[in-house]
Amino acid sequence: MTRLNVVVGITGGIAAYKAVGVVRALVLAGHDVHVVPTEGALRFVGRPTLEAISRNPVHTELYEGVAEVRHVAIGQAADLIVIAPATANSIAKLAVGLADDLLGNTVLASEAPVVIAPAMHTEMWRHPATQANIATLRARGVTIVGPAVGQLTGSDSGAGRMEEPDVIVRAALERAAVETDASGASANRRDLEGRRVVVSAGGTREPLDPVRFLGNRSSGKQGIAIAEAAQARGAQVTLIAANLEVDEPEGCDIRRVSTALELQHAVAEVAPGADVVVMAAAVADYRPASVSESKIKKDQSDDGLTLELVRNPDILAGLGHAPHAGTVLVGFAAETESDDARLLALGRAKREAKGADLLVVNRVGWNEGFASDENEVVVIGDDGTIVTRAHGTKLSVAHAILDVVVSEATTAASTATSTKETDPA
């Protein structure tokens, strides 16, 4: 394990008490942790606590340690910067590059990856100013962890709760691992610069009547993570959003759909000419043969209701079996199979049937896969071999998938160039 020099910035919100858990987890993982709290943060957590947990002195003053140029040195020495909690005010300051305190200077003086964990009331999180600032930070490659939905200060509840320390630490260390990957596979964070990437996310819904539908449990989290990761790596992203249960990322060209037929139409519009198409949305295999214009009433004399379903088009197979030279096509297969060997067999058969260049296989069930913050996947190549496995936050899984996509695109380009050079025509 590589020992990292980690700066943990703490800003002035009630969730600052949870930052102690972030610091402690990083220290126990063997890293050298330096805490840089704002003056507001020290109103919630005392300096002695932070020094005892981090095992390092805690500095807050911009004009202390001038002889050692501390306001620059801390950031220059950092391998990773984690800010938890990141208040609405601190996010705004980061977005415009303010450096009116030691934390702001530390961030500006560093080339290390930055991970922030927003924490604020729901209205503040949803405010257009905050969302614009978050979009700015994402575009610069900052990793955003959360916020979660849950109990806030007082009786309020909703989006804006700081993620739990273990989730933040896991995401931060995974981000650092991506940045320092010795193989170089992920070291270039702009390796999709100038590429056009299409991502579908969420789950389709097939209406029965004006109030009911046939749907699935996909929240769209993995597809959103792929869109965000592709943006961070420089891609121009079109997101086809099917009934998302999470916030849409800023900066994407978003096409909202509901049904499988609507998704098919949207894909047909945006996929041609794309460099990468990732079909992460869970698409209904069937739809009702007819849709009632009014609510279907329960007949007290009837024992049940019989529905006639018709098959939806196979969107991924349509793309896979059509000519798509120059486009890396990635499909997803969510399976409930518990046996690993049979799960892989299903994935290989599905990749073959769909004609995808890569197929991402993940196990789902009552308590795994859907709507969770983590995922575990196997990526199968066009020859049926396992090209990678990934486990962790959905953002880290997204980067692992894109690593393979970039490799696939590079190989395809090299092959095309080689063929062209040797073509006697």
Protein backbone atom coordinates (compact mmCIF):
# COMPACT_ATOMS: atom_id res chain seq x y z
CA MET A 1 0.00 0.00 0.00
CA THR A 2 1.29 3.46 -0.93
CA ARG A 3 1.40 5.83 2.02
CA LEU A 4 -0.32 9.06 0.97
CA ASN A 5 0.05 12.58 2.25
CA VAL A 6 -3.62 13.49 2.69
CA VAL A 7 -5.01 16.93 3.48
CA VAL A 8 -8.45 16.86 5.07
CA GLY A 9 -10.20 20.21 4.84
CA ILE A 10 -13.09 20.78 7.23
CA THR A 11 -15.52 23.65 6.74
CA GLY A 12 -18.04 25.19 9.09
CA GLY A 13 -21.12 23.01 9.06
CA ILE A 14 -22.76 20.84 11.69
CA ALA A 15 -21.53 17.75 9.82
CA ALA A 16 -17.98 18.73 10.83
CA TYR A 17 -18.24 16.25 13.71
CA LYS A 18 -18.34 13.44 11.14
CA ALA A 19 -15.05 14.63 9.66
CA VAL A 20 -13.34 13.16 12.73
CA GLY A 21 -14.34 9.74 11.40
CA VAL A 22 -12.86 10.58 7.99
CA VAL A 23 -9.54 11.60 9.56
CA ARG A 24 -9.45 8.55 11.81
CA ALA A 25 -10.15 6.12 8.96
CA LEU A 26 -7.39 7.61 6.82
CA VAL A 27 -4.90 7.45 9.68
CA LEU A 28 -5.81 3.83 10.48
CA ALA A 29 -5.35 3.02 6.79
CA GLY A 30 -1.72 4.09 7.19
CA HIS A 31 -1.78 7.56 5.61
CA ASP A 32 -0.17 10.79 6.81
CA VAL A 33 -3.11 13.12 7.46
CA HIS A 34 -2.95 16.89 7.86
CA VAL A 35 -6.15 18.65 8.87
CA VAL A 36 -6.85 22.17 7.60
CA PRO A 37 -10.07 23.42 9.23
CA THR A 38 -11.67 26.78 8.61
CA GLU A 39 -12.38 29.06 11.55
CA GLY A 40 -16.03 28.07 11.22
CA ALA A 41 -15.13 24.39 11.48
CA LEU A 42 -13.39 24.97 14.80
CA ARG A 43 -16.71 26.20 16.21
CA PHE A 44 -17.96 22.62 15.81
CA VAL A 45 -14.84 20.49 16.41
CA GLY A 46 -11.95 21.52 18.64
CA ARG A 47 -8.32 21.70 17.55
CA PRO A 48 -7.15 19.24 20.29
CA THR A 49 -9.51 16.57 18.92
CA LEU A 50 -8.26 17.02 15.38
CA GLU A 51 -4.61 16.97 16.42
CA ALA A 52 -5.08 13.88 18.58
CA ILE A 53 -6.88 11.97 15.81
CA SER A 54 -4.63 13.09 12.94
CA ARG A 55 -1.40 12.83 14.97
CA ASN A 56 -0.22 16.05 13.31
CA PRO A 57 -0.38 19.73 14.27
CA VAL A 58 -3.46 21.56 12.98
CA HIS A 59 -2.96 24.89 11.23
CA THR A 60 -5.65 27.43 10.39
CA GLU A 61 -3.97 30.82 10.05
CA LEU A 62 -2.98 32.06 6.61
CA TYR A 63 -0.13 34.16 8.00
CA GLU A 64 1.41 31.54 10.27
CA GLY A 65 4.55 29.70 9.19
CA VAL A 66 5.49 32.39 6.67
CA ALA A 67 9.16 31.39 6.78
CA GLU A 68 8.29 27.92 5.54
CA VAL A 69 5.69 29.32 3.07
CA ARG A 70 3.12 27.09 4.76
CA HIS A 71 0.15 28.48 2.81
CA VAL A 72 1.68 26.96 -0.33
CA ALA A 73 3.73 24.09 1.10
CA ILE A 74 0.79 22.12 2.49
CA GLY A 75 -0.91 21.95 -0.90
CA GLN A 76 2.29 21.25 -2.81
CA ALA A 77 3.05 18.25 -0.59
CA ALA A 78 -0.44 16.74 -0.80
CA ASP A 79 -1.15 13.53 -2.72
CA LEU A 80 -4.88 13.87 -2.05
CA ILE A 81 -7.20 16.58 -0.73
CA VAL A 82 -10.51 15.66 0.91
CA ILE A 83 -12.96 18.36 2.02
CA ALA A 84 -15.66 17.05 4.35
CA PRO A 85 -18.01 18.61 4.97
CA ALA A 86 -18.05 21.02 2.05
CA THR A 87 -20.65 23.69 2.81
CA ALA A 88 -22.50 25.68 0.14
CA ASN A 89 -20.26 28.64 0.96
CA SER A 90 -17.03 26.66 0.67
CA ILE A 91 -18.20 25.10 -2.62
CA ALA A 92 -18.88 28.57 -4.01
CA LYS A 93 -15.40 29.72 -2.94
CA LEU A 94 -13.76 26.67 -4.53
CA ALA A 95 -15.68 27.22 -7.78
CA VAL A 96 -14.41 30.79 -8.19
CA GLY A 97 -10.94 30.08 -6.78
CA LEU A 98 -11.05 32.24 -3.68
CA ALA A 99 -8.04 31.93 -1.39
CA ASP A 100 -8.96 34.03 1.62
CA ASP A 101 -8.03 31.34 4.14
CA LEU A 102 -5.50 28.56 4.53
CA LEU A 103 -7.78 25.91 3.03
CA GLY A 104 -8.43 27.96 -0.10
CA ASN A 105 -4.71 28.57 -0.56
CA THR A 106 -3.97 24.89 -0.02
CA VAL A 107 -6.35 23.84 -2.79
CA LEU A 108 -5.04 26.41 -5.26
CA ALA A 109 -1.42 25.51 -4.53
CA SER A 110 -1.98 21.80 -5.14
CA GLU A 111 -2.13 19.58 -8.20
CA ALA A 112 -3.46 16.66 -6.15
CA PRO A 113 -6.89 15.17 -6.85
CA VAL A 114 -9.66 16.84 -4.85
CA VAL A 115 -12.63 15.00 -3.34
CA ILE A 116 -15.45 16.91 -1.65
CA ALA A 117 -18.42 15.73 0.39
CA PRO A 118 -21.18 18.37 0.25
CA ALA A 119 -23.36 18.93 3.32
CA MET A 120 -26.16 21.48 3.59
CA HIS A 121 -29.94 21.80 3.74
CA THR A 122 -31.91 20.49 0.77
CA GLU A 123 -32.94 23.93 -0.48
CA MET A 124 -29.32 25.08 -0.48
CA TRP A 125 -28.18 21.96 -2.33
CA ARG A 126 -30.85 22.34 -5.00
CA HIS A 127 -30.32 26.08 -5.45
CA PRO A 128 -29.22 26.88 -9.03
CA ALA A 129 -26.12 28.67 -7.74
CA THR A 130 -24.94 25.59 -5.84
CA GLN A 131 -25.69 23.29 -8.75
CA ALA A 132 -23.78 25.59 -11.11
CA ASN A 133 -20.81 25.58 -8.73
CA ILE A 134 -20.91 21.79 -8.48
CA ALA A 135 -20.96 21.56 -12.29
CA THR A 136 -17.92 23.83 -12.45
CA LEU A 137 -16.00 21.69 -9.98
CA ARG A 138 -16.96 18.46 -11.75
CA ALA A 139 -15.77 19.92 -15.05
CA ARG A 140 -12.39 20.56 -13.41
CA GLY A 141 -12.15 16.94 -12.31
CA VAL A 142 -13.21 17.33 -8.68
CA THR A 143 -14.86 14.18 -7.33
CA ILE A 144 -18.19 14.82 -5.60
CA VAL A 145 -19.24 12.25 -2.98
CA GLY A 146 -22.90 12.55 -2.08
CA PRO A 147 -24.75 14.21 -0.64
CA ALA A 148 -26.95 11.50 0.80
CA VAL A 149 -30.66 11.72 1.55
CA GLY A 150 -31.56 11.58 5.23
CA GLN A 151 -31.99 13.42 8.50
CA LEU A 152 -30.59 16.95 8.52
CA THR A 153 -30.32 19.53 11.27
CA GLY A 154 -33.44 19.79 13.41
CA SER A 155 -36.53 18.12 12.01
CA ASP A 156 -35.55 18.57 8.34
CA SER A 157 -34.91 15.58 6.14
CA GLY A 158 -33.92 15.29 2.49
CA ALA A 159 -31.00 15.55 0.08
CA GLY A 160 -27.99 17.31 1.61
CA ARG A 161 -26.82 14.98 4.35
CA MET A 162 -23.06 14.40 4.29
CA GLU A 163 -22.13 10.89 3.23
CA GLU A 164 -20.84 8.56 5.92
CA PRO A 165 -17.08 8.66 6.61
CA ASP A 166 -16.42 5.17 5.25
CA VAL A 167 -18.08 6.03 1.93
CA ILE A 168 -16.07 9.27 1.63
CA VAL A 169 -12.76 7.59 2.49
CA ARG A 170 -13.36 4.72 0.08
CA ALA A 171 -14.19 7.09 -2.77
CA ALA A 172 -11.20 9.32 -1.98
CA LEU A 173 -8.69 6.47 -1.88
CA GLU A 174 -10.12 5.00 -5.07
CA ARG A 175 -9.72 8.37 -6.76
CA ALA A 176 -6.13 8.59 -5.55
CA ALA A 177 -5.49 5.05 -6.79
CA VAL A 178 -6.81 5.97 -10.24
CA GLU A 179 -4.54 9.02 -10.35
CA THR A 180 -1.43 7.10 -9.31
CA ASP A 181 -2.09 3.86 -11.20
CA ALA A 182 1.41 2.58 -11.99
CA SER A 183 0.19 0.99 -15.23
CA GLY A 184 -0.72 4.43 -16.54
CA ALA A 185 -4.12 3.15 -17.69
CA SER A 186 -5.97 5.85 -15.83
CA ALA A 187 -3.30 8.44 -15.27
CA ASN A 188 -4.43 10.67 -18.13
CA ARG A 189 -7.62 12.20 -16.79
CA ARG A 190 -8.36 13.80 -20.17
CA ASP A 191 -8.06 10.65 -22.26
CA LEU A 192 -11.57 11.20 -23.70
CA GLU A 193 -10.84 14.78 -24.75
CA GLY A 194 -12.72 15.58 -27.94
CA ARG A 195 -14.65 12.28 -27.90
CA ARG A 196 -18.44 12.12 -28.05
CA VAL A 197 -19.94 9.70 -25.53
CA VAL A 198 -23.59 8.65 -25.30
CA VAL A 199 -24.82 7.12 -22.04
CA SER A 200 -28.28 5.78 -21.24
CA ALA A 201 -29.23 5.62 -17.56
CA GLY A 202 -32.21 4.77 -15.37
CA GLY A 203 -35.09 2.43 -16.07
CA THR A 204 -37.92 2.54 -18.58
CA ARG A 205 -41.57 2.56 -17.57
CA GLU A 206 -44.35 1.08 -19.71
CA PRO A 207 -47.78 2.61 -18.92
CA LEU A 208 -50.82 0.47 -18.21
CA ASP A 209 -53.10 3.45 -17.68
CA PRO A 210 -52.64 7.10 -16.63
CA VAL A 211 -51.56 6.10 -13.09
CA ARG A 212 -49.83 2.71 -13.38
CA PHE A 213 -46.82 1.34 -15.21
CA LEU A 214 -44.56 -1.69 -15.54
CA GLY A 215 -41.07 -0.70 -14.45
CA ASN A 216 -37.91 -1.81 -12.74
CA ARG A 217 -35.78 -0.84 -9.74
CA SER A 218 -32.92 0.86 -11.57
CA SER A 219 -32.15 4.28 -10.05
CA GLY A 220 -29.72 5.39 -12.75
CA LYS A 221 -26.78 5.80 -10.33
CA GLN A 222 -24.32 3.72 -12.37
CA GLY A 223 -25.22 5.40 -15.64
CA ILE A 224 -24.93 8.83 -14.04
CA ALA A 225 -21.51 7.87 -12.63
CA ILE A 226 -20.35 6.85 -16.12
CA ALA A 227 -21.58 10.15 -17.57
CA GLU A 228 -19.77 12.11 -14.83
CA ALA A 229 -16.58 10.10 -15.23
CA ALA A 230 -16.61 10.58 -19.01
CA GLN A 231 -17.07 14.33 -18.55
CA ALA A 232 -14.20 14.46 -16.07
CA ARG A 233 -12.01 12.74 -18.68
CA GLY A 234 -12.83 15.38 -21.28
CA ALA A 235 -15.70 13.82 -23.22
CA GLN A 236 -18.73 15.61 -24.66
CA VAL A 237 -21.53 13.59 -23.07
CA THR A 238 -25.11 13.04 -24.16
CA LEU A 239 -27.18 11.45 -21.39
CA ILE A 240 -30.41 9.65 -22.22
CA ALA A 241 -32.20 9.81 -18.88
CA ALA A 242 -34.99 7.32 -18.21
CA ASN A 243 -36.90 8.12 -15.01
CA LEU A 244 -33.85 8.88 -12.89
CA GLU A 245 -34.11 8.70 -9.10
CA VAL A 246 -30.96 10.80 -8.63
CA ASP A 247 -29.99 14.32 -9.70
CA GLU A 248 -29.01 14.78 -13.33
CA PRO A 249 -25.37 15.81 -13.79
CA GLU A 250 -24.70 19.33 -14.99
CA GLY A 251 -22.97 19.90 -18.30
CA CYS A 252 -24.44 16.97 -20.24
CA ASP A 253 -26.75 17.17 -23.22
CA ILE A 254 -29.74 15.51 -21.54
CA ARG A 255 -32.52 13.70 -23.44
CA ARG A 256 -35.34 12.66 -21.10
CA VAL A 257 -37.35 9.57 -22.00
CA SER A 258 -39.76 7.26 -20.23
CA THR A 259 -40.61 4.20 -22.33
CA ALA A 260 -38.47 1.74 -24.26
CA LEU A 261 -39.75 3.08 -27.58
CA GLU A 262 -38.85 6.63 -26.54
CA LEU A 263 -35.39 5.46 -25.53
CA GLN A 264 -34.96 3.67 -28.85
CA HIS A 265 -35.91 6.87 -30.71
CA ALA A 266 -33.47 8.95 -28.66
CA VAL A 267 -30.63 6.46 -29.22
CA ALA A 268 -31.31 6.47 -32.97
CA GLU A 269 -30.93 10.25 -32.94
CA VAL A 270 -27.70 10.59 -30.96
CA ALA A 271 -25.75 7.33 -31.36
CA PRO A 272 -24.68 7.68 -35.01
CA GLY A 273 -21.17 9.07 -35.14
CA ALA A 274 -20.56 8.75 -31.38
CA ASP A 275 -17.17 7.48 -30.30
CA VAL A 276 -18.63 5.55 -27.37
CA VAL A 277 -22.17 4.38 -26.59
CA VAL A 278 -22.84 2.98 -23.12
CA MET A 279 -26.26 1.37 -22.70
CA ALA A 280 -26.55 1.33 -18.91
CA ALA A 281 -30.32 1.89 -18.71
CA ALA A 282 -32.52 -1.03 -17.67
CA VAL A 283 -34.94 -1.42 -20.57
CA ALA A 284 -38.27 -3.25 -20.25
CA ASP A 285 -38.43 -6.38 -22.40
CA TYR A 286 -42.21 -6.11 -22.74
CA ARG A 287 -44.94 -3.47 -22.79
CA PRO A 288 -48.74 -3.71 -22.56
CA ALA A 289 -50.40 -4.44 -25.89
CA SER A 290 -52.85 -1.63 -25.19
CA VAL A 291 -52.89 1.31 -22.78
CA SER A 292 -56.12 2.30 -21.08
CA GLU A 293 -56.99 5.98 -21.43
CA SER A 294 -58.59 5.91 -17.98
CA LYS A 295 -57.69 4.26 -14.71
CA ILE A 296 -58.33 0.51 -14.79
CA LYS A 297 -60.98 -0.15 -12.12
CA LYS A 298 -60.97 -3.11 -9.83
CA ASP A 299 -63.94 -5.38 -10.55
CA GLN A 300 -65.15 -6.81 -7.24
CA SER A 301 -66.60 -9.84 -9.01
CA ASP A 302 -63.37 -10.61 -10.82
CA ASP A 303 -60.60 -12.76 -9.33
CA GLY A 304 -57.77 -11.05 -11.19
CA LEU A 305 -56.56 -9.05 -14.15
CA THR A 306 -55.01 -10.48 -17.29
CA LEU A 307 -52.59 -8.31 -19.22
CA GLU A 308 -51.44 -8.94 -22.78
CA LEU A 309 -47.81 -7.94 -23.28
CA VAL A 310 -45.88 -7.46 -26.50
CA ARG A 311 -42.13 -7.54 -26.91
CA ASN A 312 -40.16 -4.30 -26.98
CA PRO A 313 -37.39 -3.85 -29.54
CA ASP A 314 -33.92 -4.96 -28.41
CA ILE A 315 -32.15 -1.60 -28.59
CA LEU A 316 -28.67 -2.87 -27.73
CA ALA A 317 -28.86 -5.71 -30.29
CA GLY A 318 -30.09 -3.24 -32.90
CA LEU A 319 -26.99 -1.15 -32.35
CA GLY A 320 -24.66 -4.13 -32.05
CA HIS A 321 -25.69 -5.86 -35.26
CA ALA A 322 -25.72 -2.67 -37.31
CA PRO A 323 -22.41 -1.40 -38.71
CA HIS A 324 -20.75 0.65 -35.96
CA ALA A 325 -17.10 0.88 -36.95
CA GLY A 326 -15.45 3.65 -34.98
CA THR A 327 -17.93 3.36 -32.11
CA VAL A 328 -17.20 1.36 -28.97
CA LEU A 329 -20.53 -0.16 -27.91
CA VAL A 330 -20.90 -1.09 -24.24
CA GLY A 331 -23.86 -3.07 -22.97
CA PHE A 332 -24.99 -3.96 -19.47
CA ALA A 333 -26.41 -7.23 -18.17
CA ALA A 334 -28.04 -7.31 -14.74
CA GLU A 335 -28.53 -10.91 -13.64
CA THR A 336 -29.80 -12.59 -10.48
CA GLU A 337 -27.72 -15.75 -11.01
CA SER A 338 -25.87 -16.57 -7.77
CA ASP A 339 -23.30 -18.96 -9.26
CA ASP A 340 -20.26 -17.09 -10.65
CA ALA A 341 -19.59 -19.52 -13.48
CA ARG A 342 -23.18 -19.47 -14.66
CA LEU A 343 -23.26 -15.67 -14.31
CA LEU A 344 -20.28 -15.38 -16.64
CA ALA A 345 -21.82 -17.88 -19.06
CA LEU A 346 -24.96 -15.77 -19.21
CA GLY A 347 -22.86 -12.67 -19.80
CA ARG A 348 -20.86 -14.25 -22.62
CA ALA A 349 -24.01 -15.50 -24.32
CA LYS A 350 -25.66 -12.11 -24.01
CA ARG A 351 -22.65 -10.26 -25.41
CA GLU A 352 -22.65 -12.58 -28.39
CA ALA A 353 -26.38 -12.16 -28.93
CA LYS A 354 -26.28 -8.38 -28.62
CA GLY A 355 -23.16 -7.78 -30.71
CA ALA A 356 -21.69 -5.41 -28.13
CA ASP A 357 -17.96 -4.75 -28.09
CA LEU A 358 -17.96 -4.91 -24.29
CA LEU A 359 -20.56 -6.24 -21.87
CA VAL A 360 -20.64 -5.20 -18.22
CA VAL A 361 -22.15 -7.97 -16.07
CA ASN A 362 -23.35 -7.31 -12.55
CA ARG A 363 -25.35 -9.36 -10.10
CA VAL A 364 -28.58 -7.81 -8.81
CA GLY A 365 -31.10 -8.92 -6.23
CA TRP A 366 -33.36 -7.74 -3.50
CA ASN A 367 -30.50 -6.10 -1.65
CA GLU A 368 -27.71 -5.59 -4.18
CA GLY A 369 -27.06 -3.77 -7.41
CA PHE A 370 -30.06 -1.50 -7.83
CA ALA A 371 -30.15 1.87 -6.03
CA SER A 372 -27.02 1.14 -3.98
CA ASP A 373 -23.92 3.37 -3.90
CA GLU A 374 -21.58 0.49 -4.71
CA ASN A 375 -21.34 -2.03 -7.50
CA GLU A 376 -19.34 -5.09 -8.47
CA VAL A 377 -18.94 -5.85 -12.16
CA VAL A 378 -17.14 -8.05 -14.65
CA VAL A 379 -16.43 -6.65 -18.11
CA ILE A 380 -16.41 -9.19 -20.96
CA GLY A 381 -14.63 -8.44 -24.24
CA ASP A 382 -15.67 -9.28 -27.79
CA ASP A 383 -13.78 -12.58 -27.66
CA GLY A 384 -15.53 -13.67 -24.47
CA THR A 385 -12.58 -13.07 -22.17
CA ILE A 386 -12.78 -11.14 -18.92
CA VAL A 387 -11.01 -7.85 -19.58
CA THR A 388 -11.47 -6.40 -16.10
CA ARG A 389 -13.23 -6.73 -12.78
CA ALA A 390 -14.19 -3.77 -10.61
CA HIS A 391 -15.69 -3.33 -7.18
CA GLY A 392 -16.32 -0.17 -5.19
CA THR A 393 -18.26 3.05 -5.48
CA LYS A 394 -20.19 3.42 -8.70
CA LEU A 395 -17.91 6.29 -9.71
CA SER A 396 -14.78 4.15 -9.30
CA VAL A 397 -16.50 1.35 -11.24
CA ALA A 398 -17.37 3.88 -13.94
CA HIS A 399 -13.71 4.86 -14.29
CA ALA A 400 -12.69 1.20 -14.46
CA ILE A 401 -15.18 0.64 -17.30
CA LEU A 402 -13.94 3.74 -19.13
CA ASP A 403 -10.34 2.53 -18.75
CA VAL A 404 -11.34 -0.50 -20.82
CA VAL A 405 -13.29 1.65 -23.28
CA VAL A 406 -10.26 3.90 -23.85
CA SER A 407 -8.04 0.86 -24.35
CA GLU A 408 -10.56 -0.64 -26.78
CA ALA A 409 -10.81 2.61 -28.75
CA THR A 410 -7.03 2.97 -28.91
CA THR A 411 -6.61 -0.61 -30.13
CA ALA A 412 -9.32 -0.17 -32.76
CA ALA A 413 -7.72 3.05 -34.00
CA SER A 414 -4.30 1.42 -34.20
CA THR A 415 -5.74 -1.54 -36.11
CA ALA A 416 -7.54 0.76 -38.53
CA THR A 417 -4.33 2.75 -39.16
CA SER A 418 -2.31 -0.42 -39.68
CA THR A 419 -4.88 -1.80 -42.13
CA LYS A 420 -4.90 1.45 -44.05
CA GLU A 421 -1.10 1.54 -44.29
CA THR A 422 -0.87 -2.04 -45.60
CA ASP A 423 -3.83 -1.81 -47.98
CA PRO A 424 -2.40 -2.20 -51.50
CA ALA A 425 -5.22 -0.08 -52.87
